[in-house]
PDB file of N, CA and C in Angstrom:
ATOM      1  N   UNK A   1     -10.330 -24.017   1.494  1.00  0.00           N
ATOM      2  CA  UNK A   1     -10.200 -23.800   0.674  1.00  0.00           C
ATOM      3  C   UNK A   1      -9.931 -24.958  -0.285  1.00  0.00           C
ATOM      4  N   UNK A   2     -10.598 -25.130  -1.649  1.00  0.00           N
ATOM      5  CA  UNK A   2     -10.403 -26.390  -2.581  1.00  0.00           C
ATOM      6  C   UNK A   2      -8.973 -25.877  -2.953  1.00  0.00           C
ATOM      7  N   UNK A   3      -7.900 -27.049  -3.615  1.00  0.00           N
ATOM      8  CA  UNK A   3      -7.026 -27.175  -4.003  1.00  0.00           C
ATOM      9  C   UNK A   3      -7.546 -26.080  -5.423  1.00  0.00           C
ATOM     10  N   UNK A   4      -8.043 -26.466  -5.695  1.00  0.00           N
ATOM     11  CA  UNK A   4      -8.693 -25.501  -7.381  1.00  0.00           C
ATOM     12  C   UNK A   4      -9.163 -24.044  -7.234  1.00  0.00           C
ATOM     13  N   UNK A   5      -8.569 -23.585  -5.914  1.00  0.00           N
ATOM     14  CA  UNK A   5      -9.709 -22.128  -5.420  1.00  0.00           C
ATOM     15  C   UNK A   5      -8.498 -21.147  -6.054  1.00  0.00           C
ATOM     16  N   UNK A   6      -8.884 -19.963  -6.847  1.00  0.00           N
ATOM     17  CA  UNK A   6      -7.825 -19.033  -7.105  1.00  0.00           C
ATOM     18  C   UNK A   6      -7.758 -17.919  -6.141  1.00  0.00           C
ATOM     19  N   UNK A   7      -6.655 -17.875  -5.611  1.00  0.00           N
ATOM     20  CA  UNK A   7      -6.874 -17.136  -4.253  1.00  0.00           C
ATOM     21  C   UNK A   7      -6.617 -16.036  -4.807  1.00  0.00           C
ATOM     22  N   UNK A   8      -6.908 -14.398  -3.996  1.00  0.00           N
ATOM     23  CA  UNK A   8      -6.598 -12.988  -4.437  1.00  0.00           C
ATOM     24  C   UNK A   8      -7.014 -12.901  -5.490  1.00  0.00           C
ATOM     25  N   UNK A   9      -8.269 -13.377  -6.129  1.00  0.00           N
ATOM     26  CA  UNK A   9      -8.932 -13.209  -7.105  1.00  0.00           C
ATOM     27  C   UNK A   9     -10.198 -11.832  -6.730  1.00  0.00           C
ATOM     28  N   UNK A  10     -10.330 -10.738  -7.647  1.00  0.00           N
ATOM     29  CA  UNK A  10     -11.408  -9.921  -7.641  1.00  0.00           C
ATOM     30  C   UNK A  10     -13.002 -10.431  -7.039  1.00  0.00           C
ATOM     31  N   UNK A  11     -13.286 -10.126  -5.957  1.00  0.00           N
ATOM     32  CA  UNK A  11     -14.439 -10.655  -5.666  1.00  0.00           C
ATOM     33  C   UNK A  11     -14.430 -11.807  -4.539  1.00  0.00           C
ATOM     34  N   UNK A  12     -13.341 -12.671  -4.662  1.00  0.00           N
ATOM     35  CA  UNK A  12     -12.710 -13.772  -3.797  1.00  0.00           C
ATOM     36  C   UNK A  12     -12.805 -13.483  -2.320  1.00  0.00           C
ATOM     37  N   UNK A  13     -13.746 -14.142  -1.486  1.00  0.00           N
ATOM     38  CA  UNK A  13     -13.415 -14.505  -0.262  1.00  0.00           C
ATOM     39  C   UNK A  13     -12.521 -15.580   0.133  1.00  0.00           C
ATOM     40  N   UNK A  14     -10.982 -15.529   0.383  1.00  0.00           N
ATOM     41  CA  UNK A  14     -10.127 -16.050   0.641  1.00  0.00           C
ATOM     42  C   UNK A  14     -10.155 -16.504   2.087  1.00  0.00           C
ATOM     43  N   UNK A  15      -9.939 -17.573   2.516  1.00  0.00           N
ATOM     44  CA  UNK A  15     -10.023 -18.291   4.133  1.00  0.00           C
ATOM     45  C   UNK A  15      -8.546 -18.954   4.222  1.00  0.00           C
ATOM     46  N   UNK A  16      -8.296 -18.980   5.769  1.00  0.00           N
ATOM     47  CA  UNK A  16      -6.615 -19.190   5.705  1.00  0.00           C
ATOM     48  C   UNK A  16      -6.868 -19.970   6.770  1.00  0.00           C
ATOM     49  N   UNK A  17      -6.332 -21.052   7.464  1.00  0.00           N
ATOM     50  CA  UNK A  17      -6.132 -21.596   8.975  1.00  0.00           C
ATOM     51  C   UNK A  17      -5.000 -21.227   9.443  1.00  0.00           C
ATOM     52  N   UNK A  18      -4.625 -21.096  10.569  1.00  0.00           N
ATOM     53  CA  UNK A  18      -3.533 -20.775  10.898  1.00  0.00           C
ATOM     54  C   UNK A  18      -3.284 -21.161  12.466  1.00  0.00           C
ATOM     55  N   UNK A  19      -2.391 -21.787  12.879  1.00  0.00           N
ATOM     56  CA  UNK A  19      -1.824 -22.509  13.986  1.00  0.00           C
ATOM     57  C   UNK A  19      -1.006 -21.481  14.671  1.00  0.00           C
ATOM     58  N   UNK A  20      -0.751 -21.371  16.099  1.00  0.00           N
ATOM     59  CA  UNK A  20      -0.010 -20.122  16.893  1.00  0.00           C
ATOM     60  C   UNK A  20      -0.143 -20.429  18.074  1.00  0.00           C
ATOM     61  N   UNK A  21       0.998 -19.872  18.942  1.00  0.00           N
ATOM     62  CA  UNK A  21       1.078 -20.133  20.415  1.00  0.00           C
ATOM     63  C   UNK A  21      -0.654 -19.351  20.509  1.00  0.00           C
ATOM     64  N   UNK A  22      -1.040 -19.902  22.259  1.00  0.00           N
ATOM     65  CA  UNK A  22      -1.860 -19.284  22.649  1.00  0.00           C
ATOM     66  C   UNK A  22      -1.442 -17.885  23.376  1.00  0.00           C
ATOM     67  N   UNK A  23      -2.505 -17.299  23.085  1.00  0.00           N
ATOM     68  CA  UNK A  23      -2.241 -15.698  23.396  1.00  0.00           C
ATOM     69  C   UNK A  23      -2.691 -15.275  24.867  1.00  0.00           C
ATOM     70  N   UNK A  24      -1.760 -14.376  25.579  1.00  0.00           N
ATOM     71  CA  UNK A  24      -2.212 -14.133  26.760  1.00  0.00           C
ATOM     72  C   UNK A  24      -2.822 -12.976  26.780  1.00  0.00           C
ATOM     73  N   UNK A  25      -3.386 -12.174  26.215  1.00  0.00           N
ATOM     74  CA  UNK A  25      -4.721 -11.418  26.291  1.00  0.00           C
ATOM     75  C   UNK A  25      -5.433 -11.481  25.130  1.00  0.00           C
ATOM     76  N   UNK A  26      -6.297 -10.412  24.917  1.00  0.00           N
ATOM     77  CA  UNK A  26      -7.338 -10.235  23.639  1.00  0.00           C
ATOM     78  C   UNK A  26      -6.439  -9.469  22.301  1.00  0.00           C
ATOM     79  N   UNK A  27      -6.806 -10.331  21.652  1.00  0.00           N
ATOM     80  CA  UNK A  27      -6.168 -10.045  20.351  1.00  0.00           C
ATOM     81  C   UNK A  27      -6.773  -8.571  19.885  1.00  0.00           C
ATOM     82  N   UNK A  28      -5.474  -7.565  19.828  1.00  0.00           N
ATOM     83  CA  UNK A  28      -6.509  -6.283  19.130  1.00  0.00           C
ATOM     84  C   UNK A  28      -5.131  -5.780  18.552  1.00  0.00           C
ATOM     85  N   UNK A  29      -4.280  -6.522  17.423  1.00  0.00           N
ATOM     86  CA  UNK A  29      -3.989  -5.838  16.333  1.00  0.00           C
ATOM     87  C   UNK A  29      -3.492  -6.879  15.274  1.00  0.00           C
ATOM     88  N   UNK A  30      -3.103  -6.450  14.462  1.00  0.00           N
ATOM     89  CA  UNK A  30      -2.688  -7.394  13.090  1.00  0.00           C
ATOM     90  C   UNK A  30      -1.854  -6.929  12.282  1.00  0.00           C
ATOM     91  N   UNK A  31      -1.142  -7.468  11.399  1.00  0.00           N
ATOM     92  CA  UNK A  31      -0.299  -6.730  10.236  1.00  0.00           C
ATOM     93  C   UNK A  31      -0.547  -7.858   9.240  1.00  0.00           C
ATOM     94  N   UNK A  32      -0.909  -7.486   8.061  1.00  0.00           N
ATOM     95  CA  UNK A  32      -1.010  -8.034   6.876  1.00  0.00           C
ATOM     96  C   UNK A  32      -0.120  -7.342   5.671  1.00  0.00           C
ATOM     97  N   UNK A  33       0.959  -8.543   5.407  1.00  0.00           N
ATOM     98  CA  UNK A  33       1.876  -7.831   4.098  1.00  0.00           C
ATOM     99  C   UNK A  33       1.886  -9.288   3.277  1.00  0.00           C
ATOM    100  N   UNK A  34       2.722  -9.110   2.117  1.00  0.00           N
ATOM    101  CA  UNK A  34       2.538 -10.074   1.017  1.00  0.00           C
ATOM    102  C   UNK A  34       4.099  -9.572   0.275  1.00  0.00           C
ATOM    103  N   UNK A  35       4.880 -10.816   0.037  1.00  0.00           N
ATOM    104  CA  UNK A  35       6.132 -10.904  -0.577  1.00  0.00           C
ATOM    105  C   UNK A  35       6.321 -10.234  -2.268  1.00  0.00           C
ATOM    106  N   UNK A  36       5.225  -9.728  -2.916  1.00  0.00           N
ATOM    107  CA  UNK A  36       5.043  -9.138  -4.069  1.00  0.00           C
ATOM    108  C   UNK A  36       5.489 -10.287  -5.024  1.00  0.00           C
ATOM    109  N   UNK A  37       5.173 -11.822  -5.070  1.00  0.00           N
ATOM    110  CA  UNK A  37       5.585 -12.527  -6.177  1.00  0.00           C
ATOM    111  C   UNK A  37       3.803 -12.970  -6.651  1.00  0.00           C
ATOM    112  N   UNK A  38       4.097 -13.349  -8.100  1.00  0.00           N
ATOM    113  CA  UNK A  38       3.081 -13.752  -8.628  1.00  0.00           C
ATOM    114  C   UNK A  38       3.033 -12.813 -10.279  1.00  0.00           C
ATOM    115  N   UNK A  39       2.199 -13.326 -10.950  1.00  0.00           N
ATOM    116  CA  UNK A  39       1.711 -12.383 -11.761  1.00  0.00           C
ATOM    117  C   UNK A  39       1.063 -10.899 -11.935  1.00  0.00           C
ATOM    118  N   UNK A  40       0.250 -11.064 -11.025  1.00  0.00           N
ATOM    119  CA  UNK A  40      -0.291  -9.643 -10.548  1.00  0.00           C
ATOM    120  C   UNK A  40      -0.382  -9.339  -9.382  1.00  0.00           C
ATOM    121  N   UNK A  41       0.758  -9.321  -8.310  1.00  0.00           N
ATOM    122  CA  UNK A  41       1.150  -9.198  -7.061  1.00  0.00           C
ATOM    123  C   UNK A  41      -0.161  -8.371  -6.232  1.00  0.00           C
ATOM    124  N   UNK A  42      -0.257  -6.757  -6.390  1.00  0.00           N
ATOM    125  CA  UNK A  42      -0.550  -6.249  -5.538  1.00  0.00           C
ATOM    126  C   UNK A  42      -2.414  -6.787  -5.758  1.00  0.00           C
ATOM    127  N   UNK A  43      -3.091  -6.604  -4.387  1.00  0.00           N
ATOM    128  CA  UNK A  43      -4.199  -6.936  -4.203  1.00  0.00           C
ATOM    129  C   UNK A  43      -4.774  -6.059  -3.036  1.00  0.00           C
ATOM    130  N   UNK A  44      -6.124  -6.046  -3.178  1.00  0.00           N
ATOM    131  CA  UNK A  44      -7.189  -5.325  -2.377  1.00  0.00           C
ATOM    132  C   UNK A  44      -7.409  -5.764  -1.382  1.00  0.00           C
ATOM    133  N   UNK A  45      -7.526  -5.146  -0.103  1.00  0.00           N
ATOM    134  CA  UNK A  45      -8.181  -6.078   1.237  1.00  0.00           C
ATOM    135  C   UNK A  45      -9.371  -5.278   1.889  1.00  0.00           C
ATOM    136  N   UNK A  46     -10.786  -5.723   1.801  1.00  0.00           N
ATOM    137  CA  UNK A  46     -11.663  -4.700   2.583  1.00  0.00           C
ATOM    138  C   UNK A  46     -11.396  -5.265   4.256  1.00  0.00           C
ATOM    139  N   UNK A  47     -11.482  -6.567   4.484  1.00  0.00           N
ATOM    140  CA  UNK A  47     -11.274  -6.678   5.971  1.00  0.00           C
ATOM    141  C   UNK A  47     -10.305  -8.197   6.344  1.00  0.00           C
ATOM    142  N   UNK A  48      -9.790  -7.798   7.370  1.00  0.00           N
ATOM    143  CA  UNK A  48      -9.381  -9.193   7.897  1.00  0.00           C
ATOM    144  C   UNK A  48     -10.025  -9.884   9.476  1.00  0.00           C
ATOM    145  N   UNK A  49     -10.766 -10.937   9.328  1.00  0.00           N
ATOM    146  CA  UNK A  49     -11.473 -11.669  10.297  1.00  0.00           C
ATOM    147  C   UNK A  49     -10.772 -12.474  11.087  1.00  0.00           C
ATOM    148  N   UNK A  50     -10.441 -12.387  12.215  1.00  0.00           N
ATOM    149  CA  UNK A  50      -9.965 -13.712  12.795  1.00  0.00           C
ATOM    150  C   UNK A  50     -10.777 -13.953  13.611  1.00  0.00           C
ATOM    151  N   UNK A  51     -10.954 -15.497  13.563  1.00  0.00           N
ATOM    152  CA  UNK A  51     -11.621 -15.888  14.645  1.00  0.00           C
ATOM    153  C   UNK A  51     -10.580 -16.842  15.991  1.00  0.00           C
ATOM    154  N   UNK A  52     -10.387 -16.410  16.911  1.00  0.00           N
ATOM    155  CA  UNK A  52      -9.303 -17.091  17.834  1.00  0.00           C
ATOM    156  C   UNK A  52     -10.178 -18.329  18.583  1.00  0.00           C
ATOM    157  N   UNK A  53      -9.323 -19.334  18.666  1.00  0.00           N
ATOM    158  CA  UNK A  53     -10.064 -20.598  19.238  1.00  0.00           C
ATOM    159  C   UNK A  53      -9.001 -20.943  20.473  1.00  0.00           C
ATOM    160  N   UNK A  54      -9.542 -21.059  21.754  1.00  0.00           N
ATOM    161  CA  UNK A  54      -8.723 -21.616  22.652  1.00  0.00           C
ATOM    162  C   UNK A  54      -9.644 -22.765  23.702  1.00  0.00           C
ATOM    163  N   UNK A  55      -9.312 -23.827  23.862  1.00  0.00           N
ATOM    164  CA  UNK A  55      -9.719 -24.850  24.391  1.00  0.00           C
ATOM    165  C   UNK A  55     -10.392 -24.259  25.647  1.00  0.00           C
ATOM    166  N   UNK A  56      -9.981 -23.660  26.375  1.00  0.00           N
ATOM    167  CA  UNK A  56     -10.519 -23.241  27.913  1.00  0.00           C
ATOM    168  C   UNK A  56     -11.024 -21.741  27.932  1.00  0.00           C
ATOM    169  N   UNK A  57     -11.040 -20.852  26.284  1.00  0.00           N
ATOM    170  CA  UNK A  57     -11.606 -19.628  26.512  1.00  0.00           C
ATOM    171  C   UNK A  57     -12.728 -19.681  25.356  1.00  0.00           C
ATOM    172  N   UNK A  58     -12.729 -20.715  24.559  1.00  0.00           N
ATOM    173  CA  UNK A  58     -13.928 -20.620  23.272  1.00  0.00           C
ATOM    174  C   UNK A  58     -13.632 -20.046  22.430  1.00  0.00           C
ATOM    175  N   UNK A  59     -14.184 -19.029  21.348  1.00  0.00           N
ATOM    176  CA  UNK A  59     -13.996 -18.597  20.180  1.00  0.00           C
ATOM    177  C   UNK A  59     -14.253 -17.198  20.677  1.00  0.00           C
ATOM    178  N   UNK A  60     -13.541 -16.287  20.118  1.00  0.00           N
ATOM    179  CA  UNK A  60     -13.959 -14.615  20.024  1.00  0.00           C
ATOM    180  C   UNK A  60     -13.099 -14.533  18.479  1.00  0.00           C
ATOM    181  N   UNK A  61     -14.316 -13.622  17.954  1.00  0.00           N
ATOM    182  CA  UNK A  61     -13.872 -13.274  16.441  1.00  0.00           C
ATOM    183  C   UNK A  61     -13.928 -11.588  16.593  1.00  0.00           C
ATOM    184  N   UNK A  62     -12.773 -11.084  15.494  1.00  0.00           N
ATOM    185  CA  UNK A  62     -12.590  -9.570  15.534  1.00  0.00           C
ATOM    186  C   UNK A  62     -12.464  -9.486  14.002  1.00  0.00           C
ATOM    187  N   UNK A  63     -12.763  -8.620  13.661  1.00  0.00           N
ATOM    188  CA  UNK A  63     -12.812  -7.954  12.416  1.00  0.00           C
ATOM    189  C   UNK A  63     -12.072  -6.745  12.255  1.00  0.00           C
ATOM    190  N   UNK A  64     -11.100  -6.621  11.502  1.00  0.00           N
ATOM    191  CA  UNK A  64      -9.878  -5.451  11.227  1.00  0.00           C
ATOM    192  C   UNK A  64     -10.714  -4.860   9.971  1.00  0.00           C
ATOM    193  N   UNK A  65     -10.943  -3.892   9.696  1.00  0.00           N
ATOM    194  CA  UNK A  65     -11.272  -3.259   8.581  1.00  0.00           C
ATOM    195  C   UNK A  65      -9.935  -2.830   7.609  1.00  0.00           C
ATOM    196  N   UNK A  66      -9.618  -2.974   6.761  1.00  0.00           N
ATOM    197  CA  UNK A  66      -8.008  -2.781   5.858  1.00  0.00           C
ATOM    198  C   UNK A  66      -8.481  -1.391   5.205  1.00  0.00           C
ATOM    199  N   UNK A  67      -9.167  -1.849   3.975  1.00  0.00           N
ATOM    200  CA  UNK A  67      -9.790  -1.119   3.001  1.00  0.00           C
ATOM    201  C   UNK A  67      -8.555  -0.518   2.418  1.00  0.00           C
ATOM    202  N   UNK A  68      -7.678  -1.171   1.960  1.00  0.00           N
ATOM    203  CA  UNK A  68      -6.310  -0.841   1.462  1.00  0.00           C
ATOM    204  C   UNK A  68      -6.064  -1.656   0.031  1.00  0.00           C
ATOM    205  N   UNK A  69      -5.198  -1.176  -0.627  1.00  0.00           N
ATOM    206  CA  UNK A  69      -4.256  -2.014  -2.043  1.00  0.00           C
ATOM    207  C   UNK A  69      -3.155  -1.955  -1.347  1.00  0.00           C
ATOM    208  N   UNK A  70      -2.947  -3.630  -1.186  1.00  0.00           N
ATOM    209  CA  UNK A  70      -1.543  -3.994  -1.238  1.00  0.00           C
ATOM    210  C   UNK A  70      -0.823  -4.264  -2.204  1.00  0.00           C
ATOM    211  N   UNK A  71       0.408  -2.904  -2.603  1.00  0.00           N
ATOM    212  CA  UNK A  71       1.018  -3.477  -3.325  1.00  0.00           C
ATOM    213  C   UNK A  71       2.292  -2.859  -2.892  1.00  0.00           C
ATOM    214  N   UNK A  72       3.945  -3.377  -3.960  1.00  0.00           N
ATOM    215  CA  UNK A  72       4.642  -2.409  -3.584  1.00  0.00           C
ATOM    216  C   UNK A  72       4.882  -1.167  -3.767  1.00  0.00           C
ATOM    217  N   UNK A  73       4.270  -1.093  -4.960  1.00  0.00           N
ATOM    218  CA  UNK A  73       4.819   0.473  -5.614  1.00  0.00           C
ATOM    219  C   UNK A  73       3.440   1.356  -5.380  1.00  0.00           C
ATOM    220  N   UNK A  74       2.824   1.467  -4.120  1.00  0.00           N
ATOM    221  CA  UNK A  74       2.166   2.126  -3.830  1.00  0.00           C
ATOM    222  C   UNK A  74       1.673   2.112  -2.196  1.00  0.00           C
ATOM    223  N   UNK A  75       1.131   3.308  -1.528  1.00  0.00           N
ATOM    224  CA  UNK A  75       0.793   3.167  -0.256  1.00  0.00           C
ATOM    225  C   UNK A  75      -0.052   2.152   0.289  1.00  0.00           C
ATOM    226  N   UNK A  76      -0.265   1.186   0.983  1.00  0.00           N
ATOM    227  CA  UNK A  76       0.507   1.014   1.857  1.00  0.00           C
ATOM    228  C   UNK A  76       2.131   0.423   1.689  1.00  0.00           C
ATOM    229  N   UNK A  77       2.266   0.350   0.811  1.00  0.00           N
ATOM    230  CA  UNK A  77       3.266  -0.637   0.190  1.00  0.00           C
ATOM    231  C   UNK A  77       3.572  -2.353   0.657  1.00  0.00           C
ATOM    232  N   UNK A  78       2.710  -2.466   0.289  1.00  0.00           N
ATOM    233  CA  UNK A  78       2.616  -3.989   0.678  1.00  0.00           C
ATOM    234  C   UNK A  78       2.317  -4.575   1.987  1.00  0.00           C
ATOM    235  N   UNK A  79       2.424  -3.358   2.870  1.00  0.00           N
ATOM    236  CA  UNK A  79       2.002  -3.900   4.193  1.00  0.00           C
ATOM    237  C   UNK A  79       0.791  -3.264   5.175  1.00  0.00           C
ATOM    238  N   UNK A  80      -0.016  -3.762   5.728  1.00  0.00           N
ATOM    239  CA  UNK A  80      -0.966  -3.050   6.108  1.00  0.00           C
ATOM    240  C   UNK A  80      -1.396  -3.094   7.639  1.00  0.00           C
ATOM    241  N   UNK A  81      -1.408  -2.100   8.911  1.00  0.00           N
ATOM    242  CA  UNK A  81      -1.386  -2.535  10.345  1.00  0.00           C
ATOM    243  C   UNK A  81      -2.593  -1.887  10.641  1.00  0.00           C
ATOM    244  N   UNK A  82      -3.384  -2.721  11.390  1.00  0.00           N
ATOM    245  CA  UNK A  82      -4.550  -1.981  11.756  1.00  0.00           C
ATOM    246  C   UNK A  82      -4.646  -2.837  13.224  1.00  0.00           C
ATOM    247  N   UNK A  83      -5.016  -1.975  14.397  1.00  0.00           N
ATOM    248  CA  UNK A  83      -4.986  -2.557  15.546  1.00  0.00           C
ATOM    249  C   UNK A  83      -6.347  -1.541  16.648  1.00  0.00           C
ATOM    250  N   UNK A  84      -6.582  -1.961  17.495  1.00  0.00           N
ATOM    251  CA  UNK A  84      -7.054  -1.595  18.770  1.00  0.00           C
ATOM    252  C   UNK A  84      -6.970  -1.955  20.221  1.00  0.00           C
ATOM    253  N   UNK A  85      -6.842  -1.608  21.070  1.00  0.00           N
ATOM    254  CA  UNK A  85      -6.828  -2.438  22.330  1.00  0.00           C
ATOM    255  C   UNK A  85      -7.786  -1.683  23.294  1.00  0.00           C
ATOM    256  N   UNK A  86      -9.173  -2.620  23.243  1.00  0.00           N
ATOM    257  CA  UNK A  86     -10.052  -2.253  23.828  1.00  0.00           C
ATOM    258  C   UNK A  86      -9.692  -1.732  25.720  1.00  0.00           C
ATOM    259  N   UNK A  87      -9.121  -2.568  26.136  1.00  0.00           N
ATOM    260  CA  UNK A  87      -8.592  -2.215  27.234  1.00  0.00           C
ATOM    261  C   UNK A  87      -8.124  -1.089  27.535  1.00  0.00           C
ATOM    262  N   UNK A  88      -7.503  -0.380  26.689  1.00  0.00           N
ATOM    263  CA  UNK A  88      -6.918   0.982  26.855  1.00  0.00           C
ATOM    264  C   UNK A  88      -7.880   2.155  26.470  1.00  0.00           C
ATOM    265  N   UNK A  89      -9.006   1.867  25.692  1.00  0.00           N
ATOM    266  CA  UNK A  89     -10.189   2.849  25.589  1.00  0.00           C
ATOM    267  C   UNK A  89      -9.191   4.147  24.727  1.00  0.00           C
ATOM    268  N   UNK A  90      -8.092   3.661  24.020  1.00  0.00           N
ATOM    269  CA  UNK A  90      -7.369   4.720  23.351  1.00  0.00           C
ATOM    270  C   UNK A  90      -7.580   4.408  22.181  1.00  0.00           C
ATOM    271  N   UNK A  91      -8.143   5.187  20.963  1.00  0.00           N
ATOM    272  CA  UNK A  91      -7.749   4.745  19.558  1.00  0.00           C
ATOM    273  C   UNK A  91      -7.021   5.683  19.112  1.00  0.00           C
ATOM    274  N   UNK A  92      -5.796   5.614  18.896  1.00  0.00           N
ATOM    275  CA  UNK A  92      -5.051   6.708  17.948  1.00  0.00           C
ATOM    276  C   UNK A  92      -6.041   6.646  16.289  1.00  0.00           C
ATOM    277  N   UNK A  93      -5.189   7.915  15.947  1.00  0.00           N
ATOM    278  CA  UNK A  93      -5.576   8.124  14.259  1.00  0.00           C
ATOM    279  C   UNK A  93      -5.303   7.109  13.469  1.00  0.00           C
ATOM    280  N   UNK A  94      -4.188   6.401  13.739  1.00  0.00           N
ATOM    281  CA  UNK A  94      -3.663   5.406  12.639  1.00  0.00           C
ATOM    282  C   UNK A  94      -4.244   4.059  13.171  1.00  0.00           C
ATOM    283  N   UNK A  95      -5.311   4.020  14.079  1.00  0.00           N
ATOM    284  CA  UNK A  95      -5.568   2.647  14.701  1.00  0.00           C
ATOM    285  C   UNK A  95      -7.149   2.513  14.320  1.00  0.00           C
ATOM    286  N   UNK A  96      -7.728   1.708  14.088  1.00  0.00           N
ATOM    287  CA  UNK A  96      -9.367   1.318  13.656  1.00  0.00           C
ATOM    288  C   UNK A  96     -10.061   0.601  14.388  1.00  0.00           C
ATOM    289  N   UNK A  97     -10.621   0.987  15.253  1.00  0.00           N
ATOM    290  CA  UNK A  97     -11.521   0.090  15.542  1.00  0.00           C
ATOM    291  C   UNK A  97     -12.459  -1.092  15.120  1.00  0.00           C
ATOM    292  N   UNK A  98     -12.512  -2.457  15.293  1.00  0.00           N
ATOM    293  CA  UNK A  98     -13.243  -3.387  14.569  1.00  0.00           C
ATOM    294  C   UNK A  98     -15.168  -2.660  14.756  1.00  0.00           C
ATOM    295  N   UNK A  99     -15.355  -3.217  13.218  1.00  0.00           N
ATOM    296  CA  UNK A  99     -16.630  -3.186  13.233  1.00  0.00           C
ATOM    297  C   UNK A  99     -17.756  -4.212  13.827  1.00  0.00           C
TER     298      UNK A  99
END
């Protein structure tokens, strides 16, 4: 994203690149939270799309539907967790399958 991009604005699609350790297995959960800073800290999240890139495994894209307002003064109180472990083939009520 450009240094002039206004993050977390209504209607925006914000993109972030994050480096991390290699995953030992498939990505099956994520937790999204914020620190409640800024003028208007609450924001609505439709989904989080993660593209995992590994030199030996290629790319894998997974979509976690969130559909939640992240604000400290209303549920889910600034944190949303979503997950699905396809290898278990068990999806609990609080876990959402990728679209």
